[in-house]
Amino acid sequence: MFALGGRFRHTRRVPRSDPVPRRLLTTVLFTDIVGSTQRAQALGDRRWRQLLTAHHRIMRKDLKRFRGREVDTAGDGFFATFEQPSDAIDCATAMIDDLGSIDVEIRAGIHMGEVELAGKDVRGIAVHVGARVMSKAGAGEVLVSSTVRDLMAGSDVRFDDAGTHELKGINAPMHLYSAEHEVAPSEAAPVDRALADEAAPRRSRLPWTVAGIGVLVLVVGGVVYAGRRGSGAEPAADSVVALDASGAVTDEVAVGARPSALATDGTDLWVANFDDGTVQRIDTTTDAATAARGVDSPTGIAVGEGTAWVSGFSGQLTPIDASQGTTQPPITLTPGIAGVAYGSGAVWVASANDGTVIRLDPVTQDRRIVRLPAGAEPRDVAVGDTAVWVADASGHVYEIAPTTLKVARAIALLDDRPADRIAVGAGYVWVTNTTTDSVIRIDPANGTTTTIERVADGPLGIAAGDGVVWVAGSLDGTLARIDASSGTVDGDPIHLGFSPTAVAIVGDRAWVSLSATP
C-alpha cells in the first residue's frame, strides 16, 4: 500500500537538486492486490515474492502497452500516470483480465486533475483523490471519479453508478462510477501462468522437489547454495546463477534480498543486494558466497586494484578490501549516484542528480568532475581501452577522454531512446533501453549505431565477451544472447524466471542476478 504524504517518488530514478515545480493536467491510476495480507501469509515469504514477480511483470507489460508511466511501486501497489483517461481505463481493465492468469485480483482507482511535477516527483490533491478512489473499489473493479466520467461522456466506455462516498482527507463527498470496458488480453499469460503454478496456495510443489531433477545442496563456509546442472528447473529469487556457453544453468548461489548489481575482477564475483543493503563476494571456482556486509542501499558496484567500490543511493561510495573483505570508511559524493565503473586507473561514478561524472583517484581519493551537456541525466558508466562511456536518460551516449576529462563525443540514439545500462566488449559499446525492449550497438571507431529491436522484455543488465552479448530481460524473466558481429539475437531466450537485472562474465560463464522484482 502507498503512504499518503502528498509526495510520491519513482524509486529507481533520482530527481535533480532543487527541481522547479510545474503543474500539469494528467490522469492518475492506483492499483493494489485484493486480500494481499492473507495471501502472503498463506504462501510464505518465498512464494509470495514469486507471485509478486509475476504480478509486477504483467502490470508493467500493460503500462507499456497503454502508454502509462510508472511513478511508484510499493509492495503490491502501483501508481501510474496517463495523458488520457481512456488509456488509464483500458490499462486497468487489461491488468485485471491478464492477472487472472496467475489467480490474482486487483482493484483500481482513476482520477484526473492537476498535479505538480518536480523532477520525477508527482504530488498534489489529484494524487490523494486517485488513491482514495481506489480504496473504495472492490475486487476486479475499476472505479473512477465523476471528473473522469464527465470527461468521457460519449465514449464507448460504460459507467455504472457507484454512489456518493466520503473520501478520507477530501473535504466534499464525491460521486464515483464503475467503468466497464472490454480490452483484448495481452500475450503475458503463458510465462506468468507457469509462475502462478508455483505461487498458488493450492500447490505445494517446490522447484527443489520436482521429480527427476537432481539437486545437489552443499554447505561451504556456512553458506548454502545449490548447484544444478542441466536440470531445467527455474532458479530461486534472490540468487545469482551461472550459465555455460550453451545457455544451460550450471550453478546457483543464494545471496541477499534483491541482488541488483554485479561486478568481477576476472575471478571473483561481487554482488550488491539493494533491499537489505549488503554486498557479498562469490568465489567462482567454488561457487561459495561470503557473509553479507552492510552498505548504504547499493545502486552499483565495480572492482579494481584489489578493492570493490559500491555506490549508494544517498551519495556514498564505499570501498571494500577485496582480499580481506573489510569495509573502509565511505566517501561522500552527491545524492543520486548510480552506475560505477573502474578503469584507466580511476573509479568513475555517474551522478544523475547534477548531470556529471565523477573521477575518483583510488589512492588519494581526490576527485575531478566531468560536466555533461545541459539536460544530461547519466544512469550508467563503463570503461573501455581508450575511453569512458556514459549511458544517459537524455537519449545520448557520451564518450569521455580519460586523460583530458573532456566530453569527446555525444552520440544520439535512435528516436532519442534513453540509455539504461551500458557495457563495453566484443569490439563495440552496448546500451540497453527498457522502454522499447531494444539494445543499441555503437561502433566506437565512427560512432555509428545499430538498433536491435525486441531483444527481451525490459532489457536491463548487459555484458559482452567472446563475441557474445548477454542481456537480462527484467520483465519477462529471460536472458537473451546477441551475436556481437552480426548484431542479431542468437536463438531463443533462456527462461530463468523472476527478474534478471544484472549480468557479468567470468571466464566462459555468464552470471546473472535474479530478484523477486526489478
Protein backbone atom coordinates (compact mmCIF):
# COMPACT_ATOMS: atom_id res chain seq x y z
CA MET A 1 0.00 0.00 0.00
CA PHE A 2 1.01 3.64 -0.52
CA ALA A 3 1.54 6.07 2.32
CA LEU A 4 -0.28 9.31 1.54
CA GLY A 5 2.12 12.09 2.39
CA GLY A 6 1.49 14.26 -0.65
CA ARG A 7 4.65 13.11 -2.36
CA PHE A 8 5.42 10.05 -4.46
CA ARG A 9 8.75 9.19 -5.96
CA HIS A 10 9.84 6.70 -8.59
CA THR A 11 12.40 4.77 -6.57
CA ARG A 12 14.69 3.89 -9.46
CA ARG A 13 15.40 7.41 -10.67
CA VAL A 14 16.60 10.34 -8.58
CA PRO A 15 15.47 13.87 -9.47
CA ARG A 16 17.95 16.67 -9.86
CA SER A 17 18.62 19.00 -6.97
CA ASP A 18 16.01 21.70 -6.35
CA PRO A 19 13.78 20.91 -9.36
CA VAL A 20 11.44 23.71 -10.44
CA PRO A 21 7.84 22.50 -9.90
CA ARG A 22 5.41 22.71 -12.81
CA ARG A 23 1.72 21.91 -12.96
CA LEU A 24 0.13 19.56 -15.44
CA LEU A 25 -3.33 18.12 -16.09
CA THR A 26 -2.97 14.35 -16.01
CA THR A 27 -4.75 11.09 -15.21
CA VAL A 28 -3.63 9.09 -12.18
CA LEU A 29 -4.14 5.34 -11.70
CA PHE A 30 -3.74 3.48 -8.43
CA THR A 31 -3.99 -0.31 -8.01
CA ASP A 32 -3.37 -2.89 -5.32
CA ILE A 33 -3.89 -6.60 -4.80
CA VAL A 34 -7.11 -7.57 -3.02
CA GLY A 35 -6.51 -9.67 0.11
CA SER A 36 -2.75 -9.37 -0.20
CA THR A 37 -2.03 -9.78 3.52
CA GLN A 38 -3.93 -13.05 3.79
CA ARG A 39 -2.43 -14.30 0.53
CA ALA A 40 1.10 -13.51 1.69
CA GLN A 41 0.54 -15.31 4.98
CA ALA A 42 -0.84 -18.38 3.21
CA LEU A 43 2.02 -18.56 0.70
CA GLY A 44 5.02 -17.71 2.85
CA ASP A 45 7.75 -15.22 2.01
CA ARG A 46 9.43 -17.01 -0.91
CA ARG A 47 6.29 -17.98 -2.78
CA TRP A 48 4.69 -14.60 -2.13
CA ARG A 49 7.73 -12.86 -3.68
CA GLN A 50 7.41 -15.19 -6.65
CA LEU A 51 3.77 -14.24 -7.12
CA LEU A 52 4.66 -10.55 -6.83
CA THR A 53 7.23 -11.01 -9.58
CA ALA A 54 4.56 -12.34 -11.92
CA HIS A 55 2.18 -9.56 -10.85
CA HIS A 56 4.75 -6.81 -11.47
CA ARG A 57 5.66 -8.30 -14.84
CA ILE A 58 2.07 -8.23 -16.07
CA MET A 59 1.43 -4.76 -14.68
CA ARG A 60 4.48 -3.31 -16.42
CA LYS A 61 3.64 -5.02 -19.70
CA ASP A 62 0.22 -3.39 -19.68
CA LEU A 63 1.60 0.00 -18.62
CA LYS A 64 3.91 -0.13 -21.60
CA ARG A 65 1.10 -1.29 -23.86
CA PHE A 66 -1.21 1.61 -22.91
CA ARG A 67 1.44 4.34 -22.67
CA GLY A 68 1.34 4.66 -18.90
CA ARG A 69 4.25 5.95 -16.81
CA GLU A 70 5.05 4.10 -13.61
CA VAL A 71 5.61 6.66 -10.87
CA ASP A 72 5.94 4.44 -7.82
CA THR A 73 5.61 0.84 -6.68
CA ALA A 74 5.10 -0.02 -3.03
CA GLY A 75 4.69 -3.68 -2.15
CA ASP A 76 1.67 -4.87 -4.12
CA GLY A 77 0.52 -1.38 -5.20
CA PHE A 78 1.18 0.61 -8.37
CA PHE A 79 0.88 4.35 -9.04
CA ALA A 80 0.99 5.44 -12.69
CA THR A 81 0.05 8.45 -14.81
CA PHE A 82 -1.51 8.70 -18.26
CA GLU A 83 -2.13 11.52 -20.71
CA GLN A 84 -5.64 10.28 -21.48
CA PRO A 85 -8.23 8.81 -19.07
CA SER A 86 -9.30 6.28 -21.73
CA ASP A 87 -5.79 4.81 -21.73
CA ALA A 88 -5.88 4.51 -17.94
CA ILE A 89 -9.22 2.67 -18.04
CA ASP A 90 -8.08 0.38 -20.85
CA CYS A 91 -4.87 -0.34 -18.94
CA ALA A 92 -6.64 -1.10 -15.66
CA THR A 93 -9.14 -3.36 -17.41
CA ALA A 94 -6.36 -5.24 -19.19
CA MET A 95 -4.46 -5.64 -15.94
CA ILE A 96 -7.49 -7.19 -14.25
CA ASP A 97 -8.01 -9.63 -17.14
CA ASP A 98 -4.32 -10.54 -17.53
CA LEU A 99 -3.79 -11.09 -13.81
CA GLY A 100 -6.42 -13.80 -13.94
CA SER A 101 -3.71 -15.99 -15.48
CA ILE A 102 -1.99 -16.08 -12.08
CA ASP A 103 -5.14 -16.08 -9.96
CA VAL A 104 -4.58 -12.55 -8.66
CA GLU A 105 -7.32 -9.95 -8.19
CA ILE A 106 -6.65 -6.24 -8.06
CA ARG A 107 -8.75 -3.14 -7.62
CA ALA A 108 -8.13 0.15 -9.42
CA GLY A 109 -8.95 3.82 -8.89
CA ILE A 110 -8.67 6.55 -11.54
CA HIS A 111 -8.94 10.33 -11.26
CA MET A 112 -7.99 13.24 -13.50
CA GLY A 113 -6.75 16.57 -12.20
CA GLU A 114 -3.87 18.98 -11.97
CA VAL A 115 -0.70 17.64 -10.35
CA GLU A 116 2.62 19.22 -9.52
CA LEU A 117 5.75 17.79 -11.10
CA ALA A 118 9.11 18.45 -9.50
CA GLY A 119 11.78 16.34 -11.18
CA LYS A 120 10.30 12.84 -11.07
CA ASP A 121 8.03 13.62 -8.11
CA VAL A 122 4.27 13.70 -8.72
CA ARG A 123 2.19 15.31 -5.98
CA GLY A 124 -0.96 17.27 -5.27
CA ILE A 125 -4.59 16.83 -4.32
CA ALA A 126 -5.32 14.83 -7.50
CA VAL A 127 -2.86 12.19 -6.32
CA HIS A 128 -4.67 11.92 -2.98
CA VAL A 129 -8.04 11.67 -4.69
CA GLY A 130 -6.85 8.88 -7.01
CA ALA A 131 -5.57 6.82 -4.08
CA ARG A 132 -8.80 7.36 -2.12
CA VAL A 133 -10.95 6.39 -5.12
CA MET A 134 -9.03 3.10 -5.33
CA SER A 135 -9.68 2.43 -1.65
CA LYS A 136 -13.42 2.32 -2.38
CA ALA A 137 -13.11 -0.16 -5.28
CA GLY A 138 -13.93 -3.84 -4.96
CA ALA A 139 -12.11 -6.86 -6.35
CA GLY A 140 -11.83 -6.68 -10.13
CA GLU A 141 -13.37 -3.20 -10.20
CA VAL A 142 -12.15 -0.05 -11.97
CA LEU A 143 -13.60 2.85 -10.02
CA VAL A 144 -13.36 6.38 -11.45
CA SER A 145 -14.19 9.84 -10.16
CA SER A 146 -17.06 11.90 -11.55
CA THR A 147 -14.42 14.07 -13.25
CA VAL A 148 -13.26 11.14 -15.36
CA ARG A 149 -16.80 10.02 -16.12
CA ASP A 150 -17.86 13.53 -17.24
CA LEU A 151 -14.81 13.97 -19.46
CA MET A 152 -15.52 10.66 -21.19
CA ALA A 153 -19.19 11.31 -21.95
CA GLY A 154 -19.99 9.83 -25.36
CA SER A 155 -17.12 7.32 -25.31
CA ASP A 156 -17.59 3.57 -25.71
CA VAL A 157 -16.88 3.03 -22.01
CA ARG A 158 -19.95 2.14 -19.94
CA PHE A 159 -20.15 3.57 -16.42
CA ASP A 160 -22.30 2.18 -13.62
CA ASP A 161 -23.27 4.47 -10.77
CA ALA A 162 -21.28 3.51 -7.66
CA GLY A 163 -22.85 6.12 -5.39
CA THR A 164 -21.54 9.07 -3.40
CA HIS A 165 -18.68 8.46 -0.97
CA GLU A 166 -16.82 10.25 1.76
CA LEU A 167 -13.12 10.10 0.89
CA LYS A 168 -10.65 10.34 3.74
CA GLY A 169 -8.82 13.66 3.67
CA ILE A 170 -11.13 15.11 0.98
CA ASN A 171 -13.48 17.86 2.13
CA ALA A 172 -16.55 17.18 -0.02
CA PRO A 173 -18.27 13.85 -0.84
CA MET A 174 -17.51 12.54 -4.32
CA HIS A 175 -19.69 10.67 -6.79
CA LEU A 176 -17.93 7.57 -8.10
CA TYR A 177 -18.59 5.32 -11.08
CA SER A 178 -17.54 1.79 -12.02
CA ALA A 179 -16.03 1.58 -15.52
CA GLU A 180 -16.65 -1.42 -17.73
CA HIS A 181 -14.82 -1.84 -20.98
CA GLU A 182 -13.55 -4.88 -22.87
CA VAL A 183 -9.90 -4.93 -23.85
CA ALA A 184 -8.11 -7.70 -25.73
CA PRO A 185 -5.80 -9.61 -23.32
CA SER A 186 -2.07 -9.23 -23.71
CA GLU A 187 0.37 -12.01 -24.52
CA ALA A 188 1.74 -12.15 -20.96
CA ALA A 189 -0.21 -15.17 -19.81
CA PRO A 190 1.90 -18.21 -20.83
CA VAL A 191 5.06 -17.39 -18.87
CA ASP A 192 3.21 -15.93 -15.92
CA ARG A 193 0.83 -18.86 -15.63
CA ALA A 194 3.88 -21.07 -15.13
CA LEU A 195 4.95 -18.83 -12.29
CA ALA A 196 1.46 -18.93 -10.83
CA ASP A 197 1.67 -22.72 -10.66
CA GLU A 198 4.50 -22.26 -8.18
CA ALA A 199 2.83 -19.48 -6.22
CA ALA A 200 -0.79 -20.63 -5.97
CA PRO A 201 -1.72 -21.74 -2.42
CA ARG A 202 -3.28 -24.99 -3.59
CA ARG A 203 0.08 -26.18 -4.91
CA SER A 204 2.73 -27.48 -2.52
CA ARG A 205 5.31 -28.47 -5.11
CA LEU A 206 8.61 -26.58 -4.85
CA PRO A 207 11.23 -26.36 -7.59
CA TRP A 208 13.67 -28.23 -5.35
CA THR A 209 11.39 -31.33 -5.15
CA VAL A 210 10.29 -31.77 -8.76
CA ALA A 211 10.65 -35.44 -9.69
CA GLY A 212 13.54 -36.19 -11.96
CA ILE A 213 15.58 -33.09 -11.06
CA GLY A 214 18.95 -33.73 -9.48
CA VAL A 215 19.65 -31.15 -6.83
CA LEU A 216 22.95 -31.05 -5.01
CA VAL A 217 22.95 -28.93 -1.86
CA LEU A 218 26.33 -28.04 -0.46
CA VAL A 219 27.43 -26.09 2.60
CA VAL A 220 30.62 -24.11 2.15
CA GLY A 221 31.79 -21.84 4.93
CA GLY A 222 28.33 -21.71 6.44
CA VAL A 223 26.68 -20.62 3.17
CA VAL A 224 24.18 -22.91 1.49
CA TYR A 225 23.95 -22.93 -2.25
CA ALA A 226 22.57 -25.28 -4.84
CA GLY A 227 24.49 -26.49 -7.87
CA ARG A 228 22.14 -27.73 -10.55
CA ARG A 229 23.47 -28.90 -13.86
CA GLY A 230 21.17 -29.32 -16.79
CA SER A 231 18.09 -29.66 -14.59
CA GLY A 232 15.86 -27.24 -16.46
CA ALA A 233 14.28 -26.11 -13.18
CA GLU A 234 13.76 -22.41 -12.52
CA PRO A 235 16.25 -20.94 -10.04
CA ALA A 236 15.04 -19.22 -6.89
CA ALA A 237 14.66 -15.50 -6.31
CA ASP A 238 17.47 -13.63 -4.51
CA SER A 239 20.13 -15.75 -6.14
CA VAL A 240 22.91 -15.50 -8.70
CA VAL A 241 23.10 -18.20 -11.38
CA ALA A 242 25.88 -19.22 -13.75
CA LEU A 243 25.27 -20.29 -17.34
CA ASP A 244 27.65 -22.01 -19.71
CA ALA A 245 28.17 -21.09 -23.37
CA SER A 246 25.15 -23.17 -24.39
CA GLY A 247 22.89 -21.24 -22.02
CA ALA A 248 22.42 -24.08 -19.53
CA VAL A 249 22.32 -23.13 -15.83
CA THR A 250 25.32 -24.77 -14.20
CA ASP A 251 25.22 -23.36 -10.68
CA GLU A 252 23.13 -21.26 -8.34
CA VAL A 253 24.23 -19.26 -5.31
CA ALA A 254 21.81 -17.85 -2.73
CA VAL A 255 22.52 -14.20 -1.89
CA GLY A 256 20.77 -11.29 -0.16
CA ALA A 257 17.47 -9.60 -0.95
CA ARG A 258 17.10 -8.10 -4.43
CA PRO A 259 20.58 -8.50 -5.96
CA SER A 260 20.74 -5.56 -8.35
CA ALA A 261 24.37 -5.13 -9.44
CA LEU A 262 27.28 -7.41 -10.29
CA ALA A 263 30.99 -6.81 -10.86
CA THR A 264 34.02 -9.03 -11.38
CA ASP A 265 37.79 -8.82 -11.27
CA GLY A 266 38.06 -11.84 -13.57
CA THR A 267 37.99 -14.41 -10.77
CA ASP A 268 35.62 -13.36 -8.02
CA LEU A 269 32.10 -12.03 -8.47
CA TRP A 270 30.75 -9.23 -6.32
CA VAL A 271 27.02 -8.84 -5.67
CA ALA A 272 25.20 -5.75 -4.39
CA ASN A 273 21.85 -6.55 -2.70
CA PHE A 274 19.68 -3.45 -2.70
CA ASP A 275 16.78 -4.35 -0.41
CA ASP A 276 18.84 -5.49 2.56
CA GLY A 277 21.75 -3.10 1.88
CA THR A 278 24.51 -5.70 1.68
CA VAL A 279 27.42 -6.79 -0.51
CA GLN A 280 28.77 -10.31 -0.96
CA ARG A 281 31.70 -11.87 -2.78
CA ILE A 282 31.35 -15.18 -4.67
CA ASP A 283 34.39 -17.35 -5.32
CA THR A 284 33.59 -18.53 -8.84
CA THR A 285 35.94 -21.51 -8.54
CA THR A 286 33.96 -22.97 -5.63
CA ASP A 287 30.71 -21.01 -6.12
CA ALA A 288 30.63 -20.10 -2.43
CA ALA A 289 29.37 -16.73 -1.18
CA THR A 290 30.86 -14.84 1.74
CA ALA A 291 28.82 -13.46 4.59
CA ALA A 292 26.93 -10.29 3.71
CA ARG A 293 28.47 -6.94 4.60
CA GLY A 294 26.26 -3.94 5.21
CA VAL A 295 26.49 -0.87 2.97
CA ASP A 296 24.20 2.05 2.17
CA SER A 297 21.41 0.98 -0.28
CA PRO A 298 23.83 -0.13 -3.02
CA THR A 299 22.99 1.02 -6.56
CA GLY A 300 26.16 -0.12 -8.34
CA ILE A 301 29.44 -1.91 -7.85
CA ALA A 302 32.86 -2.05 -9.54
CA VAL A 303 36.10 -3.88 -8.78
CA GLY A 304 39.66 -2.73 -9.43
CA GLU A 305 43.13 -2.75 -7.88
CA GLY A 306 42.11 -5.04 -5.04
CA THR A 307 39.08 -3.01 -3.99
CA ALA A 308 35.33 -3.29 -4.55
CA TRP A 309 33.68 0.11 -4.93
CA VAL A 310 29.99 0.29 -4.00
CA SER A 311 27.84 3.29 -4.89
CA GLY A 312 24.98 4.09 -2.51
CA PHE A 313 21.60 5.71 -3.10
CA SER A 314 22.28 8.57 -0.66
CA GLY A 315 25.52 9.53 -2.39
CA GLN A 316 28.19 7.50 -0.63
CA LEU A 317 30.87 5.40 -2.28
CA THR A 318 32.04 2.57 -0.02
CA PRO A 319 35.41 0.83 -0.63
CA ILE A 320 35.74 -2.81 0.44
CA ASP A 321 39.14 -4.52 0.59
CA ALA A 322 38.74 -7.42 -1.84
CA SER A 323 41.22 -9.77 -0.17
CA GLN A 324 40.32 -9.11 3.47
CA GLY A 325 36.65 -8.28 2.96
CA THR A 326 36.93 -5.33 5.32
CA THR A 327 34.80 -2.25 4.73
CA GLN A 328 36.60 1.09 4.59
CA PRO A 329 35.07 4.45 5.61
CA PRO A 330 32.57 5.61 2.97
CA ILE A 331 33.38 8.52 0.68
CA THR A 332 30.63 11.14 0.48
CA LEU A 333 29.95 12.26 -3.10
CA THR A 334 26.50 13.51 -4.08
CA PRO A 335 22.96 12.09 -3.77
CA GLY A 336 21.80 10.33 -6.90
CA ILE A 337 24.96 8.45 -7.81
CA ALA A 338 24.07 5.37 -9.83
CA GLY A 339 26.43 3.41 -12.05
CA VAL A 340 30.07 2.96 -11.09
CA ALA A 341 33.00 1.52 -13.07
CA TYR A 342 36.74 1.03 -12.69
CA GLY A 343 39.33 1.58 -15.42
CA SER A 344 42.15 3.83 -16.66
CA GLY A 345 43.47 3.92 -13.10
CA ALA A 346 40.38 5.50 -11.56
CA VAL A 347 36.88 4.96 -10.25
CA TRP A 348 34.16 6.55 -12.39
CA VAL A 349 30.75 7.36 -10.95
CA ALA A 350 27.64 8.53 -12.82
CA SER A 351 25.79 11.25 -10.88
CA ALA A 352 22.21 11.56 -12.10
CA ASN A 353 21.36 14.41 -9.74
CA ASP A 354 23.68 17.01 -11.22
CA GLY A 355 24.46 15.63 -14.69
CA THR A 356 28.10 14.86 -14.01
CA VAL A 357 30.59 12.01 -13.97
CA ILE A 358 33.00 11.89 -11.04
CA ARG A 359 36.57 10.62 -11.46
CA LEU A 360 37.98 9.39 -8.16
CA ASP A 361 41.63 8.58 -7.55
CA PRO A 362 41.56 5.20 -5.74
CA VAL A 363 44.63 6.01 -3.64
CA THR A 364 44.36 9.69 -2.74
CA GLN A 365 40.58 9.85 -3.12
CA ASP A 366 40.99 13.12 -4.99
CA ARG A 367 38.05 13.73 -7.28
CA ARG A 368 37.55 15.58 -10.54
CA ILE A 369 34.22 16.42 -12.11
CA VAL A 370 33.23 15.95 -15.74
CA ARG A 371 30.20 18.06 -16.57
CA LEU A 372 27.97 16.62 -19.24
CA PRO A 373 25.87 18.78 -21.62
CA ALA A 374 22.80 20.56 -20.23
CA GLY A 375 19.87 18.24 -19.60
CA ALA A 376 22.04 15.17 -19.08
CA GLU A 377 20.97 12.53 -16.56
CA PRO A 378 23.64 9.81 -16.51
CA ARG A 379 22.43 6.36 -15.48
CA ASP A 380 25.45 4.11 -16.00
CA VAL A 381 29.12 4.20 -16.89
CA ALA A 382 31.60 1.74 -18.47
CA VAL A 383 35.31 1.98 -19.22
CA GLY A 384 36.90 0.76 -22.43
CA ASP A 385 40.53 0.66 -23.57
CA THR A 386 40.69 4.32 -24.57
CA ALA A 387 37.51 5.98 -23.36
CA VAL A 388 34.89 6.21 -20.64
CA TRP A 389 31.33 5.70 -21.89
CA VAL A 390 28.21 7.09 -20.20
CA ALA A 391 24.61 5.93 -20.71
CA ASP A 392 22.26 8.89 -20.34
CA ALA A 393 18.49 9.23 -19.93
CA SER A 394 18.51 12.11 -22.43
CA GLY A 395 18.87 9.66 -25.31
CA HIS A 396 22.62 10.01 -25.71
CA VAL A 397 25.79 8.11 -25.01
CA TYR A 398 28.72 10.32 -24.05
CA GLU A 399 32.37 9.49 -24.69
CA ILE A 400 34.81 10.95 -22.18
CA ALA A 401 38.56 11.13 -22.76
CA PRO A 402 40.08 9.76 -19.52
CA THR A 403 43.22 11.91 -19.74
CA THR A 404 41.70 15.30 -20.54
CA LEU A 405 38.35 14.63 -18.84
CA LYS A 406 36.56 16.26 -21.75
CA VAL A 407 33.40 15.03 -23.46
CA ALA A 408 34.86 13.90 -26.77
CA ARG A 409 31.61 12.89 -28.39
CA ALA A 410 27.84 12.85 -27.81
CA ILE A 411 26.20 10.02 -29.74
CA ALA A 412 22.44 10.39 -30.25
CA LEU A 413 20.41 7.20 -30.07
CA LEU A 414 17.52 6.29 -32.36
CA ASP A 415 14.36 8.28 -31.52
CA ASP A 416 16.19 9.76 -28.51
CA ARG A 417 15.75 6.48 -26.67
CA PRO A 418 17.02 6.78 -23.09
CA ALA A 419 20.01 4.63 -22.26
CA ASP A 420 19.64 2.46 -19.16
CA ARG A 421 22.74 0.25 -18.81
CA ILE A 422 25.99 0.22 -20.77
CA ALA A 423 28.78 -2.28 -21.40
CA VAL A 424 31.97 -2.35 -23.47
CA GLY A 425 33.20 -5.52 -25.17
CA ALA A 426 33.47 -7.61 -28.33
CA GLY A 427 34.62 -4.50 -30.23
CA TYR A 428 31.55 -2.38 -29.50
CA VAL A 429 29.72 -0.30 -26.90
CA TRP A 430 26.36 -1.79 -25.92
CA VAL A 431 23.37 0.02 -24.42
CA THR A 432 20.02 -1.29 -23.18
CA ASN A 433 16.69 0.51 -23.34
CA THR A 434 13.94 -0.94 -21.16
CA THR A 435 11.15 1.18 -22.64
CA THR A 436 11.48 -0.06 -26.23
CA ASP A 437 12.90 -3.53 -25.42
CA SER A 438 15.94 -2.78 -27.55
CA VAL A 439 19.73 -2.87 -27.43
CA ILE A 440 21.88 -0.32 -29.26
CA ARG A 441 25.29 -1.33 -30.61
CA ILE A 442 27.75 1.52 -31.07
CA ASP A 443 30.89 1.28 -33.19
CA PRO A 444 33.44 3.28 -31.19
CA ALA A 445 35.55 3.92 -34.29
CA ASN A 446 32.97 6.08 -36.04
CA GLY A 447 30.06 6.43 -33.62
CA THR A 448 27.53 4.69 -35.88
CA THR A 449 24.67 2.94 -34.12
CA THR A 450 22.73 -0.24 -34.84
CA THR A 451 19.44 -0.74 -33.01
CA ILE A 452 18.50 -4.34 -32.22
CA GLU A 453 14.75 -4.47 -31.62
CA ARG A 454 12.71 -6.89 -29.49
CA VAL A 455 15.67 -8.33 -27.59
CA ALA A 456 13.76 -9.02 -24.36
CA ASP A 457 11.00 -7.52 -22.28
CA GLY A 458 12.58 -4.74 -20.24
CA PRO A 459 16.25 -5.43 -21.10
CA LEU A 460 18.36 -4.12 -18.25
CA GLY A 461 21.69 -5.71 -17.34
CA ILE A 462 24.16 -6.36 -20.17
CA ALA A 463 27.65 -7.85 -20.51
CA ALA A 464 29.81 -8.56 -23.58
CA GLY A 465 32.64 -11.01 -24.21
CA ASP A 466 33.98 -13.57 -26.69
CA GLY A 467 31.69 -12.47 -29.48
CA VAL A 468 28.51 -12.90 -27.41
CA VAL A 469 26.47 -10.27 -25.58
CA TRP A 470 24.22 -11.38 -22.73
CA VAL A 471 21.11 -9.29 -21.96
CA ALA A 472 18.84 -9.65 -18.91
CA GLY A 473 15.10 -9.31 -19.60
CA SER A 474 13.96 -7.84 -16.30
CA LEU A 475 10.23 -8.07 -17.08
CA ASP A 476 9.92 -11.50 -18.73
CA GLY A 477 12.41 -13.48 -16.66
CA THR A 478 14.68 -14.29 -19.61
CA LEU A 479 18.28 -13.99 -20.70
CA ALA A 480 18.94 -13.19 -24.34
CA ARG A 481 22.10 -13.72 -26.39
CA ILE A 482 23.23 -11.39 -29.16
CA ASP A 483 25.82 -12.31 -31.77
CA ALA A 484 28.21 -9.37 -31.47
CA SER A 485 29.40 -9.33 -35.07
CA SER A 486 26.00 -9.60 -36.76
CA GLY A 487 24.06 -7.67 -34.14
CA THR A 488 21.22 -10.20 -34.12
CA VAL A 489 19.56 -12.13 -31.32
CA ASP A 490 21.00 -15.63 -31.21
CA GLY A 491 18.43 -18.38 -30.65
CA ASP A 492 15.50 -18.48 -28.27
CA PRO A 493 15.50 -16.65 -24.91
CA ILE A 494 16.65 -18.59 -21.87
CA HIS A 495 13.87 -18.66 -19.28
CA LEU A 496 15.17 -18.09 -15.77
CA GLY A 497 12.04 -16.84 -14.01
CA PHE A 498 11.87 -13.99 -11.52
CA SER A 499 13.61 -10.79 -12.62
CA PRO A 500 17.16 -10.96 -14.01
CA THR A 501 18.64 -7.49 -13.56
CA ALA A 502 22.44 -7.68 -13.87
CA VAL A 503 24.91 -9.75 -15.89
CA ALA A 504 28.67 -10.32 -15.57
CA ILE A 505 31.06 -12.60 -17.47
CA VAL A 506 33.70 -14.61 -15.63
CA GLY A 507 35.78 -16.90 -17.83
CA ASP A 508 33.47 -18.89 -20.06
CA ARG A 509 30.38 -18.41 -17.90
CA ALA A 510 27.75 -15.68 -17.67
CA TRP A 511 26.48 -14.84 -14.20
CA VAL A 512 23.01 -13.36 -13.74
CA SER A 513 21.32 -11.90 -10.65
CA LEU A 514 17.69 -12.84 -10.01
CA SER A 515 15.42 -10.60 -7.93
CA ALA A 516 11.84 -11.01 -6.81
CA THR A 517 11.09 -7.66 -8.51
CA PRO A 518 13.05 -5.47 -10.98
